Amino acid sequence: MDATTGNNEAIQRTDMASKTTQITLITLQFGILLLQAGSVALQLRSAVPGLLVAVLWLACMALGLWALSANRPGNFNIRPEPKAEGQLVQTGPYRWIRHPMYTAVLLFSIGCAGFVATLLAGGLSLALLAVLWLKAVLEERMMCQRHPAYRAYMTRTRRFLPFLV
């Protein structure tokens, strides 16, 4: 085996590990969200969301729709891997935060945890935060490779919350 063949095999193993990591993170993300949504659905029969929960869910929808209007479908991926033809978006909510869709998902999750009000629901929100943090770090590494301007963008914006994180 020559050095080129060895390098190609190493690259393929890295690509497979990355794909496996991406699929694992996506599965965890949607699994947690389904558990939370299911627990909310069961409790909705007997309770009405309070004001804070309603505000969180409305903020989730508003931020998600704003992010979609700034970053059109076809430009982003459910996987943390940038699309080959994707453009770097720095307008709309992306002007202040790098991952507004992840933030919207977290707002939904925190609203679910607040509505259900159990330790398990709070733990699921923390687990989701960890999953989305890992997805964001992985995505940011790939965005830096795909878009040279991304590093400068990272210095001007926060990951999930303007002025905080």
Protein backbone atom coordinates (compact mmCIF):
# COMPACT_ATOMS: atom_id res chain seq x y z
CA MET A 1 0.00 0.00 0.00
CA ASP A 2 1.41 3.40 -0.96
CA ALA A 3 1.08 6.68 0.96
CA THR A 4 -1.73 7.97 -1.31
CA THR A 5 -3.88 4.90 -0.70
CA GLY A 6 -3.28 5.20 3.05
CA ASN A 7 -4.26 8.88 3.02
CA ASN A 8 -7.42 8.18 1.02
CA GLU A 9 -8.43 5.44 3.46
CA ALA A 10 -7.78 7.75 6.43
CA ILE A 11 -9.92 10.47 4.81
CA GLN A 12 -12.73 7.98 4.16
CA ARG A 13 -12.63 6.79 7.80
CA THR A 14 -12.76 10.42 9.00
CA ASP A 15 -15.68 11.16 6.65
CA MET A 16 -17.55 8.08 7.90
CA ALA A 17 -16.93 9.03 11.54
CA SER A 18 -18.16 12.54 10.82
CA LYS A 19 -21.32 11.25 9.08
CA THR A 20 -21.95 8.83 11.96
CA THR A 21 -21.52 11.66 14.47
CA GLN A 22 -23.90 13.87 12.49
CA ILE A 23 -26.57 11.16 12.28
CA THR A 24 -26.20 10.40 15.99
CA LEU A 25 -26.61 14.06 16.95
CA ILE A 26 -29.65 14.49 14.69
CA THR A 27 -31.24 11.33 16.09
CA LEU A 28 -30.66 12.53 19.65
CA GLN A 29 -32.02 15.99 18.81
CA PHE A 30 -35.27 14.71 17.33
CA GLY A 31 -35.64 11.96 19.92
CA ILE A 32 -35.47 14.51 22.74
CA LEU A 33 -37.89 16.83 20.95
CA LEU A 34 -40.37 13.99 20.37
CA LEU A 35 -40.23 13.01 24.04
CA GLN A 36 -40.84 16.58 25.08
CA ALA A 37 -43.63 17.19 22.59
CA GLY A 38 -45.27 13.92 23.63
CA SER A 39 -45.17 14.86 27.31
CA VAL A 40 -46.69 18.25 26.47
CA ALA A 41 -49.43 16.62 24.37
CA LEU A 42 -50.36 14.33 27.26
CA GLN A 43 -50.57 17.24 29.68
CA LEU A 44 -52.42 19.62 27.33
CA ARG A 45 -55.63 17.70 27.99
CA SER A 46 -55.72 18.93 31.57
CA ALA A 47 -53.72 22.17 31.60
CA VAL A 48 -53.32 25.40 29.68
CA PRO A 49 -49.83 26.81 29.04
CA GLY A 50 -48.92 29.73 31.27
CA LEU A 51 -47.81 33.10 29.98
CA LEU A 52 -44.06 32.35 30.13
CA VAL A 53 -44.47 29.08 28.23
CA ALA A 54 -46.66 30.76 25.62
CA VAL A 55 -44.09 33.56 25.19
CA LEU A 56 -41.28 31.00 24.76
CA TRP A 57 -43.25 29.08 22.14
CA LEU A 58 -44.19 32.27 20.28
CA ALA A 59 -40.56 33.41 20.39
CA CYS A 60 -39.56 29.99 19.04
CA MET A 61 -41.94 30.34 16.09
CA ALA A 62 -41.00 33.97 15.39
CA LEU A 63 -37.26 33.29 15.48
CA GLY A 64 -37.61 30.14 13.37
CA LEU A 65 -39.65 31.92 10.72
CA TRP A 66 -37.28 34.91 10.72
CA ALA A 67 -34.31 32.58 10.26
CA LEU A 68 -36.08 30.78 7.41
CA SER A 69 -36.83 34.10 5.70
CA ALA A 70 -33.14 35.08 5.91
CA ASN A 71 -31.73 31.65 5.06
CA ARG A 72 -33.96 30.15 2.41
CA PRO A 73 -34.58 26.39 2.24
CA GLY A 74 -31.99 24.85 -0.02
CA ASN A 75 -29.22 26.90 1.58
CA PHE A 76 -29.14 24.99 4.86
CA ASN A 77 -29.02 21.41 5.96
CA ILE A 78 -30.57 19.46 8.82
CA ARG A 79 -27.12 17.92 9.20
CA PRO A 80 -24.41 20.21 10.54
CA GLU A 81 -22.64 19.94 7.18
CA PRO A 82 -22.82 23.02 4.94
CA LYS A 83 -24.20 22.48 1.47
CA ALA A 84 -21.62 22.65 -1.30
CA GLU A 85 -23.52 25.43 -3.07
CA GLY A 86 -24.62 27.13 0.18
CA GLN A 87 -24.08 30.80 0.86
CA LEU A 88 -22.91 32.38 4.13
CA VAL A 89 -25.90 34.30 5.51
CA GLN A 90 -25.24 37.26 7.81
CA THR A 91 -28.59 39.03 7.71
CA GLY A 92 -31.79 38.71 9.71
CA PRO A 93 -31.19 36.93 13.02
CA TYR A 94 -27.84 35.70 11.63
CA ARG A 95 -26.61 39.25 12.13
CA TRP A 96 -26.50 38.59 15.89
CA ILE A 97 -26.43 34.81 16.33
CA ARG A 98 -24.84 32.07 14.25
CA HIS A 99 -27.46 29.38 14.95
CA PRO A 100 -30.92 30.96 15.24
CA MET A 101 -32.67 27.71 14.27
CA TYR A 102 -30.93 25.89 17.13
CA THR A 103 -31.94 28.75 19.43
CA ALA A 104 -35.56 28.42 18.25
CA VAL A 105 -35.46 24.68 18.99
CA LEU A 106 -34.04 25.41 22.46
CA LEU A 107 -36.82 27.94 23.14
CA PHE A 108 -39.39 25.28 22.22
CA SER A 109 -37.66 22.76 24.49
CA ILE A 110 -37.44 25.14 27.44
CA GLY A 111 -41.10 26.00 26.95
CA CYS A 112 -41.93 22.28 27.01
CA ALA A 113 -39.89 21.82 30.18
CA GLY A 114 -41.64 24.77 31.78
CA PHE A 115 -45.05 23.44 30.83
CA VAL A 116 -44.44 19.89 32.05
CA ALA A 117 -42.42 21.16 35.05
CA THR A 118 -40.56 17.96 35.93
CA LEU A 119 -36.89 17.27 36.53
CA LEU A 120 -36.93 14.89 33.57
CA ALA A 121 -38.25 17.62 31.26
CA GLY A 122 -35.57 20.03 32.50
CA GLY A 123 -32.93 17.33 32.03
CA LEU A 124 -34.12 16.76 28.48
CA SER A 125 -33.70 20.47 27.74
CA LEU A 126 -30.16 20.37 29.12
CA ALA A 127 -29.43 17.25 27.05
CA LEU A 128 -30.77 19.02 23.96
CA LEU A 129 -28.56 22.02 24.70
CA ALA A 130 -25.53 19.68 24.83
CA VAL A 131 -26.53 18.02 21.54
CA LEU A 132 -27.08 21.35 19.78
CA TRP A 133 -23.82 22.72 21.19
CA LEU A 134 -21.94 19.75 19.72
CA LYS A 135 -23.76 20.15 16.39
CA ALA A 136 -22.88 23.86 16.34
CA VAL A 137 -19.19 23.22 17.04
CA LEU A 138 -19.05 20.58 14.31
CA GLU A 139 -20.90 22.83 11.87
CA GLU A 140 -18.67 25.80 12.65
CA ARG A 141 -15.53 23.79 11.89
CA MET A 142 -16.93 22.86 8.49
CA MET A 143 -18.21 26.39 7.83
CA CYS A 144 -14.70 27.75 8.45
CA GLN A 145 -13.39 25.35 5.82
CA ARG A 146 -16.15 26.11 3.31
CA HIS A 147 -16.42 29.88 3.86
CA PRO A 148 -13.17 31.75 4.69
CA ALA A 149 -15.22 34.74 5.96
CA TYR A 150 -16.84 32.58 8.64
CA ARG A 151 -13.99 33.08 11.14
CA ALA A 152 -14.48 36.85 11.10
CA TYR A 153 -18.25 36.32 11.34
CA MET A 154 -17.69 34.21 14.47
CA THR A 155 -15.88 37.11 16.16
CA ARG A 156 -18.86 39.44 15.57
CA THR A 157 -21.67 37.10 16.59
CA ARG A 158 -22.62 34.73 19.38
CA ARG A 159 -23.47 31.07 19.00
CA PHE A 160 -27.03 31.00 20.43
CA LEU A 161 -27.91 34.23 22.28
CA PRO A 162 -26.93 37.78 21.29
CA PHE A 163 -24.41 39.31 23.70
CA LEU A 164 -24.24 36.11 25.83
CA VAL A 165 -23.37 32.70 24.38
